[in-house]
């Protein structure tokens, strides 16, 4: 995927369509992947960078942590409004730089409790444990 992202859109699609693993996917899944790649290219450079950063963090998780992250996404993240997701991501960046005790203290602070509702706090707590 890293190599594909660096190719021009036409070349990327050609390489992908000629890939035997891609060819083994159902046509509907192939179309979904191609559509996602096109939409990714249409994002601003900053938006692409943020997504790549998140994906990089995810790839560096253990398989168990990735499973937990998927569960958080399915149960909570996908139900949040985009502006709330952004607020959570911004806070998560702060939290992941803190030592565990400081992270726990911040999550219990009034500042955080006033900025995030209970569901959002749960997402932050679960993500900070990864």
N, C-alpha and C. Protein backbone atom coordinates (compact mmCIF):
# COMPACT_ATOMS: atom_id res chain seq x y z
N UNK A 1 0.82 -1.19 0.00
CA UNK A 1 0.00 0.00 0.00
C UNK A 1 0.87 1.25 0.00
N UNK A 2 1.99 1.19 0.74
CA UNK A 2 2.89 2.36 0.77
C UNK A 2 3.37 2.69 -0.64
N UNK A 3 3.79 1.67 -1.38
CA UNK A 3 4.28 1.91 -2.74
C UNK A 3 3.16 2.40 -3.64
N UNK A 4 1.97 1.84 -3.48
CA UNK A 4 0.85 2.26 -4.31
C UNK A 4 0.50 3.72 -4.11
N UNK A 5 0.56 4.17 -2.87
CA UNK A 5 0.19 5.57 -2.58
C UNK A 5 1.11 6.56 -3.29
N UNK A 6 2.33 6.15 -3.54
CA UNK A 6 3.29 7.07 -4.15
C UNK A 6 3.15 7.15 -5.68
N UNK A 7 2.40 6.22 -6.24
CA UNK A 7 2.23 6.21 -7.70
C UNK A 7 1.16 7.21 -8.13
N UNK A 8 1.25 7.69 -9.37
CA UNK A 8 0.18 8.53 -9.90
C UNK A 8 -1.12 7.71 -9.93
N UNK A 9 -2.27 8.36 -9.80
CA UNK A 9 -3.55 7.64 -9.71
C UNK A 9 -3.79 6.60 -10.80
N UNK A 10 -3.53 6.94 -12.05
CA UNK A 10 -3.76 5.98 -13.15
C UNK A 10 -2.87 4.76 -13.03
N UNK A 11 -1.61 5.01 -12.72
CA UNK A 11 -0.65 3.91 -12.58
C UNK A 11 -1.01 3.04 -11.37
N UNK A 12 -1.41 3.66 -10.29
CA UNK A 12 -1.78 2.94 -9.07
C UNK A 12 -2.95 1.99 -9.36
N UNK A 13 -3.94 2.48 -10.06
CA UNK A 13 -5.11 1.65 -10.36
C UNK A 13 -4.71 0.50 -11.29
N UNK A 14 -3.87 0.77 -12.26
CA UNK A 14 -3.42 -0.28 -13.17
C UNK A 14 -2.67 -1.37 -12.42
N UNK A 15 -1.74 -0.98 -11.55
CA UNK A 15 -0.96 -1.94 -10.76
C UNK A 15 -1.89 -2.77 -9.88
N UNK A 16 -2.81 -2.09 -9.25
CA UNK A 16 -3.73 -2.78 -8.36
C UNK A 16 -4.59 -3.78 -9.12
N UNK A 17 -5.13 -3.37 -10.25
CA UNK A 17 -5.99 -4.27 -11.04
C UNK A 17 -5.23 -5.49 -11.55
N UNK A 18 -3.91 -5.37 -11.72
CA UNK A 18 -3.10 -6.49 -12.18
C UNK A 18 -2.56 -7.35 -11.04
N UNK A 19 -2.86 -6.99 -9.81
CA UNK A 19 -2.40 -7.74 -8.65
C UNK A 19 -3.30 -8.96 -8.44
N UNK A 20 -2.70 -10.14 -8.31
CA UNK A 20 -3.50 -11.37 -8.21
C UNK A 20 -4.35 -11.40 -6.95
N UNK A 21 -3.86 -10.83 -5.85
CA UNK A 21 -4.67 -10.81 -4.62
C UNK A 21 -5.89 -9.91 -4.78
N UNK A 22 -5.68 -8.79 -5.43
CA UNK A 22 -6.79 -7.88 -5.70
C UNK A 22 -7.82 -8.56 -6.61
N UNK A 23 -7.33 -9.29 -7.60
CA UNK A 23 -8.22 -9.98 -8.54
C UNK A 23 -9.05 -11.06 -7.85
N UNK A 24 -8.57 -11.58 -6.73
CA UNK A 24 -9.29 -12.64 -6.02
C UNK A 24 -10.46 -12.08 -5.20
N UNK A 25 -10.47 -10.77 -4.99
CA UNK A 25 -11.55 -10.15 -4.22
C UNK A 25 -12.83 -10.07 -5.05
N UNK A 26 -13.97 -10.11 -4.36
CA UNK A 26 -15.23 -9.91 -5.10
C UNK A 26 -15.22 -8.53 -5.77
N UNK A 27 -15.90 -8.44 -6.90
CA UNK A 27 -15.94 -7.18 -7.67
C UNK A 27 -16.39 -6.01 -6.80
N UNK A 28 -17.36 -6.23 -5.94
CA UNK A 28 -17.85 -5.16 -5.06
C UNK A 28 -16.74 -4.65 -4.14
N UNK A 29 -15.95 -5.57 -3.60
CA UNK A 29 -14.84 -5.18 -2.70
C UNK A 29 -13.76 -4.45 -3.49
N UNK A 30 -13.48 -4.89 -4.69
CA UNK A 30 -12.50 -4.20 -5.54
C UNK A 30 -12.93 -2.75 -5.76
N UNK A 31 -14.21 -2.58 -6.11
CA UNK A 31 -14.73 -1.23 -6.35
C UNK A 31 -14.64 -0.36 -5.10
N UNK A 32 -14.93 -0.95 -3.94
CA UNK A 32 -14.84 -0.21 -2.68
C UNK A 32 -13.41 0.28 -2.45
N UNK A 33 -12.45 -0.60 -2.64
CA UNK A 33 -11.04 -0.23 -2.42
C UNK A 33 -10.60 0.87 -3.38
N UNK A 34 -10.97 0.73 -4.64
CA UNK A 34 -10.60 1.75 -5.61
C UNK A 34 -11.25 3.09 -5.27
N UNK A 35 -12.50 3.04 -4.84
CA UNK A 35 -13.20 4.27 -4.46
C UNK A 35 -12.52 4.92 -3.25
N UNK A 36 -12.15 4.13 -2.27
CA UNK A 36 -11.46 4.68 -1.09
C UNK A 36 -10.14 5.32 -1.48
N UNK A 37 -9.40 4.68 -2.37
CA UNK A 37 -8.13 5.25 -2.80
C UNK A 37 -8.34 6.57 -3.53
N UNK A 38 -9.37 6.64 -4.35
CA UNK A 38 -9.65 7.89 -5.07
C UNK A 38 -10.04 9.00 -4.09
N UNK A 39 -10.90 8.66 -3.13
CA UNK A 39 -11.32 9.66 -2.14
C UNK A 39 -10.14 10.12 -1.30
N UNK A 40 -9.24 9.21 -0.96
CA UNK A 40 -8.05 9.56 -0.18
C UNK A 40 -7.22 10.58 -0.95
N UNK A 41 -7.06 10.37 -2.24
CA UNK A 41 -6.27 11.30 -3.07
C UNK A 41 -6.91 12.67 -3.16
N UNK A 42 -8.22 12.73 -3.01
CA UNK A 42 -8.92 14.01 -3.10
C UNK A 42 -8.82 14.83 -1.82
N UNK A 43 -8.36 14.23 -0.74
CA UNK A 43 -8.21 14.95 0.53
C UNK A 43 -7.08 15.95 0.44
N UNK A 44 -7.11 16.92 1.32
CA UNK A 44 -6.00 17.88 1.38
C UNK A 44 -4.76 17.17 1.90
N UNK A 45 -3.58 17.70 1.62
CA UNK A 45 -2.34 17.08 2.13
C UNK A 45 -2.37 16.92 3.66
N UNK A 46 -2.92 17.90 4.37
CA UNK A 46 -2.99 17.79 5.84
C UNK A 46 -3.89 16.65 6.27
N UNK A 47 -5.02 16.50 5.61
CA UNK A 47 -5.94 15.41 5.96
C UNK A 47 -5.31 14.06 5.66
N UNK A 48 -4.63 13.94 4.52
CA UNK A 48 -3.95 12.68 4.19
C UNK A 48 -2.88 12.37 5.22
N UNK A 49 -2.14 13.40 5.62
CA UNK A 49 -1.08 13.20 6.61
C UNK A 49 -1.64 12.69 7.94
N UNK A 50 -2.76 13.28 8.37
CA UNK A 50 -3.38 12.84 9.63
C UNK A 50 -3.82 11.38 9.54
N UNK A 51 -4.41 11.01 8.42
CA UNK A 51 -4.85 9.62 8.24
C UNK A 51 -3.66 8.68 8.21
N UNK A 52 -2.62 9.06 7.51
CA UNK A 52 -1.42 8.23 7.44
C UNK A 52 -0.79 8.07 8.82
N UNK A 53 -0.81 9.14 9.61
CA UNK A 53 -0.27 9.08 10.97
C UNK A 53 -1.07 8.08 11.81
N UNK A 54 -2.39 8.17 11.73
CA UNK A 54 -3.24 7.24 12.50
C UNK A 54 -3.01 5.80 12.05
N UNK A 55 -2.89 5.60 10.75
CA UNK A 55 -2.68 4.26 10.24
C UNK A 55 -1.33 3.72 10.68
N UNK A 56 -0.33 4.58 10.72
CA UNK A 56 1.00 4.19 11.18
C UNK A 56 0.96 3.75 12.64
N UNK A 57 0.25 4.50 13.46
CA UNK A 57 0.12 4.13 14.87
C UNK A 57 -0.57 2.77 14.97
N UNK A 58 -1.63 2.57 14.20
CA UNK A 58 -2.38 1.32 14.23
C UNK A 58 -1.50 0.15 13.81
N UNK A 59 -0.72 0.31 12.75
CA UNK A 59 0.15 -0.78 12.27
C UNK A 59 1.17 -1.18 13.32
N UNK A 60 1.56 -0.25 14.19
CA UNK A 60 2.57 -0.56 15.20
C UNK A 60 1.99 -1.20 16.46
N UNK A 61 0.68 -1.36 16.51
CA UNK A 61 0.05 -2.03 17.64
C UNK A 61 0.21 -3.54 17.50
N UNK A 62 0.16 -4.23 18.63
CA UNK A 62 0.17 -5.69 18.58
C UNK A 62 -1.16 -6.15 18.00
N UNK A 63 -1.25 -7.39 17.53
CA UNK A 63 -2.54 -7.88 17.03
C UNK A 63 -3.66 -7.77 18.07
N UNK A 64 -3.35 -8.01 19.33
CA UNK A 64 -4.35 -7.88 20.39
C UNK A 64 -4.82 -6.42 20.51
N UNK A 65 -3.87 -5.49 20.48
CA UNK A 65 -4.21 -4.08 20.56
C UNK A 65 -5.03 -3.64 19.34
N UNK A 66 -4.67 -4.16 18.17
CA UNK A 66 -5.43 -3.83 16.97
C UNK A 66 -6.87 -4.32 17.10
N UNK A 67 -7.06 -5.50 17.67
CA UNK A 67 -8.40 -6.02 17.89
C UNK A 67 -9.20 -5.12 18.82
N UNK A 68 -8.55 -4.66 19.89
CA UNK A 68 -9.22 -3.75 20.82
C UNK A 68 -9.56 -2.43 20.14
N UNK A 69 -8.64 -1.94 19.32
CA UNK A 69 -8.89 -0.68 18.61
C UNK A 69 -10.07 -0.83 17.64
N UNK A 70 -10.14 -1.97 16.96
CA UNK A 70 -11.28 -2.21 16.06
C UNK A 70 -12.59 -2.24 16.84
N UNK A 71 -12.54 -2.85 18.01
CA UNK A 71 -13.75 -2.93 18.85
C UNK A 71 -14.19 -1.53 19.27
N UNK A 72 -13.25 -0.69 19.69
CA UNK A 72 -13.57 0.70 20.06
C UNK A 72 -14.20 1.41 18.87
N UNK A 73 -13.62 1.21 17.70
CA UNK A 73 -14.15 1.85 16.49
C UNK A 73 -15.59 1.41 16.24
N UNK A 74 -15.80 0.12 16.25
CA UNK A 74 -17.13 -0.42 15.95
C UNK A 74 -18.18 0.02 16.97
N UNK A 75 -17.80 0.01 18.24
CA UNK A 75 -18.77 0.29 19.29
C UNK A 75 -18.99 1.77 19.55
N UNK A 76 -17.96 2.59 19.32
CA UNK A 76 -18.07 3.99 19.72
C UNK A 76 -17.72 4.98 18.61
N UNK A 77 -16.52 4.84 18.07
CA UNK A 77 -15.97 5.85 17.16
C UNK A 77 -16.87 6.12 15.97
N UNK A 78 -17.36 5.07 15.36
CA UNK A 78 -18.15 5.23 14.14
C UNK A 78 -19.46 5.98 14.39
N UNK A 79 -19.87 6.09 15.65
CA UNK A 79 -21.12 6.77 15.99
C UNK A 79 -20.92 8.24 16.32
N UNK A 80 -19.69 8.69 16.40
CA UNK A 80 -19.40 10.07 16.77
C UNK A 80 -19.46 11.01 15.56
N UNK A 81 -19.81 12.25 15.83
CA UNK A 81 -19.79 13.28 14.80
C UNK A 81 -18.34 13.63 14.46
N UNK A 82 -18.06 14.03 13.22
CA UNK A 82 -16.68 14.34 12.82
C UNK A 82 -15.97 15.36 13.71
N UNK A 83 -16.67 16.41 14.16
CA UNK A 83 -15.99 17.40 15.01
C UNK A 83 -15.62 16.82 16.37
N UNK A 84 -16.42 15.87 16.86
CA UNK A 84 -16.10 15.23 18.15
C UNK A 84 -14.94 14.26 17.97
N UNK A 85 -14.89 13.60 16.83
CA UNK A 85 -13.75 12.72 16.54
C UNK A 85 -12.46 13.53 16.56
N UNK A 86 -12.51 14.70 15.92
CA UNK A 86 -11.32 15.56 15.87
C UNK A 86 -10.87 15.96 17.27
N UNK A 87 -11.83 16.32 18.13
CA UNK A 87 -11.50 16.70 19.50
C UNK A 87 -10.87 15.53 20.25
N UNK A 88 -11.38 14.34 20.02
CA UNK A 88 -10.84 13.15 20.69
C UNK A 88 -9.43 12.85 20.18
N UNK A 89 -9.24 12.95 18.89
CA UNK A 89 -7.90 12.71 18.32
C UNK A 89 -6.89 13.71 18.89
N UNK A 90 -7.29 14.97 18.95
CA UNK A 90 -6.39 15.99 19.50
C UNK A 90 -6.02 15.68 20.95
N UNK A 91 -7.01 15.30 21.73
CA UNK A 91 -6.75 14.96 23.14
C UNK A 91 -5.92 13.69 23.24
N UNK A 92 -6.20 12.72 22.40
CA UNK A 92 -5.44 11.47 22.43
C UNK A 92 -3.96 11.72 22.15
N UNK A 93 -3.67 12.65 21.26
CA UNK A 93 -2.26 13.00 20.98
C UNK A 93 -1.57 13.50 22.24
N UNK A 94 -2.29 14.27 23.02
CA UNK A 94 -1.73 14.77 24.28
C UNK A 94 -1.53 13.61 25.25
N UNK A 95 -2.56 12.78 25.38
CA UNK A 95 -2.52 11.68 26.33
C UNK A 95 -1.40 10.67 26.05
N UNK A 96 -1.21 10.36 24.78
CA UNK A 96 -0.22 9.32 24.48
C UNK A 96 1.22 9.77 24.77
N UNK A 97 1.42 11.07 24.91
CA UNK A 97 2.76 11.58 25.24
C UNK A 97 3.02 11.58 26.75
N UNK A 98 1.98 11.37 27.53
CA UNK A 98 2.11 11.42 28.99
C UNK A 98 2.44 10.06 29.58
N UNK A 99 3.18 10.04 30.69
CA UNK A 99 3.37 8.77 31.41
C UNK A 99 2.01 8.27 31.90
N UNK A 100 1.91 6.98 32.14
CA UNK A 100 0.63 6.36 32.49
C UNK A 100 -0.08 7.06 33.65
N UNK A 101 0.61 7.38 34.72
CA UNK A 101 -0.01 8.02 35.88
C UNK A 101 -0.56 9.41 35.53
N UNK A 102 0.19 10.16 34.76
CA UNK A 102 -0.26 11.49 34.34
C UNK A 102 -1.47 11.39 33.40
N UNK A 103 -1.44 10.36 32.56
CA UNK A 103 -2.55 10.14 31.64
C UNK A 103 -3.84 9.86 32.43
N UNK A 104 -3.73 8.98 33.42
CA UNK A 104 -4.89 8.66 34.26
C UNK A 104 -5.40 9.89 35.00
N UNK A 105 -4.47 10.67 35.51
CA UNK A 105 -4.83 11.89 36.23
C UNK A 105 -5.56 12.87 35.31
N UNK A 106 -5.04 13.03 34.09
CA UNK A 106 -5.67 13.95 33.14
C UNK A 106 -7.08 13.47 32.77
N UNK A 107 -7.23 12.17 32.58
CA UNK A 107 -8.54 11.64 32.22
C UNK A 107 -9.58 11.84 33.32
N UNK A 108 -9.13 11.98 34.54
CA UNK A 108 -10.05 12.20 35.67
C UNK A 108 -10.23 13.69 35.99
N UNK A 109 -9.54 14.55 35.28
CA UNK A 109 -9.59 15.98 35.57
C UNK A 109 -10.94 16.59 35.19
N UNK A 110 -11.28 17.68 35.85
CA UNK A 110 -12.52 18.40 35.54
C UNK A 110 -12.50 18.96 34.13
N UNK A 111 -11.32 19.41 33.70
CA UNK A 111 -11.19 19.95 32.34
C UNK A 111 -11.67 18.93 31.30
N UNK A 112 -11.20 17.70 31.42
CA UNK A 112 -11.56 16.65 30.47
C UNK A 112 -13.03 16.27 30.63
N UNK A 113 -13.48 16.16 31.85
CA UNK A 113 -14.88 15.80 32.10
C UNK A 113 -15.83 16.86 31.57
N UNK A 114 -15.40 18.10 31.53
CA UNK A 114 -16.23 19.18 30.99
C UNK A 114 -16.19 19.25 29.47
N UNK A 115 -15.11 18.77 28.87
CA UNK A 115 -14.97 18.84 27.41
C UNK A 115 -15.60 17.66 26.68
N UNK A 116 -15.70 16.51 27.37
CA UNK A 116 -16.15 15.28 26.71
C UNK A 116 -17.31 14.66 27.46
N UNK A 117 -18.25 14.10 26.70
CA UNK A 117 -19.35 13.39 27.34
C UNK A 117 -18.88 11.99 27.76
N UNK A 118 -19.76 11.24 28.38
CA UNK A 118 -19.38 9.93 28.93
C UNK A 118 -18.90 8.97 27.84
N UNK A 119 -19.59 8.94 26.72
CA UNK A 119 -19.18 8.05 25.62
C UNK A 119 -17.80 8.44 25.10
N UNK A 120 -17.57 9.73 24.93
CA UNK A 120 -16.28 10.20 24.43
C UNK A 120 -15.17 9.91 25.43
N UNK A 121 -15.46 10.07 26.72
CA UNK A 121 -14.48 9.73 27.75
C UNK A 121 -14.12 8.25 27.70
N UNK A 122 -15.13 7.43 27.47
CA UNK A 122 -14.89 5.99 27.37
C UNK A 122 -13.97 5.67 26.20
N UNK A 123 -14.18 6.34 25.08
CA UNK A 123 -13.31 6.14 23.92
C UNK A 123 -11.88 6.54 24.28
N UNK A 124 -11.73 7.69 24.89
CA UNK A 124 -10.39 8.15 25.28
C UNK A 124 -9.72 7.18 26.25
N UNK A 125 -10.47 6.70 27.21
CA UNK A 125 -9.90 5.75 28.19
C UNK A 125 -9.47 4.47 27.51
N UNK A 126 -10.31 3.96 26.63
CA UNK A 126 -9.97 2.71 25.95
C UNK A 126 -8.77 2.89 25.01
N UNK A 127 -8.75 4.01 24.30
CA UNK A 127 -7.63 4.25 23.40
C UNK A 127 -6.33 4.45 24.16
N UNK A 128 -6.42 5.10 25.30
CA UNK A 128 -5.20 5.38 26.07
C UNK A 128 -4.60 4.12 26.69
N UNK A 129 -5.37 3.04 26.75
CA UNK A 129 -4.87 1.77 27.28
C UNK A 129 -4.15 0.95 26.22
N UNK A 130 -4.26 1.35 24.97
CA UNK A 130 -3.62 0.58 23.88
C UNK A 130 -2.13 0.78 23.86
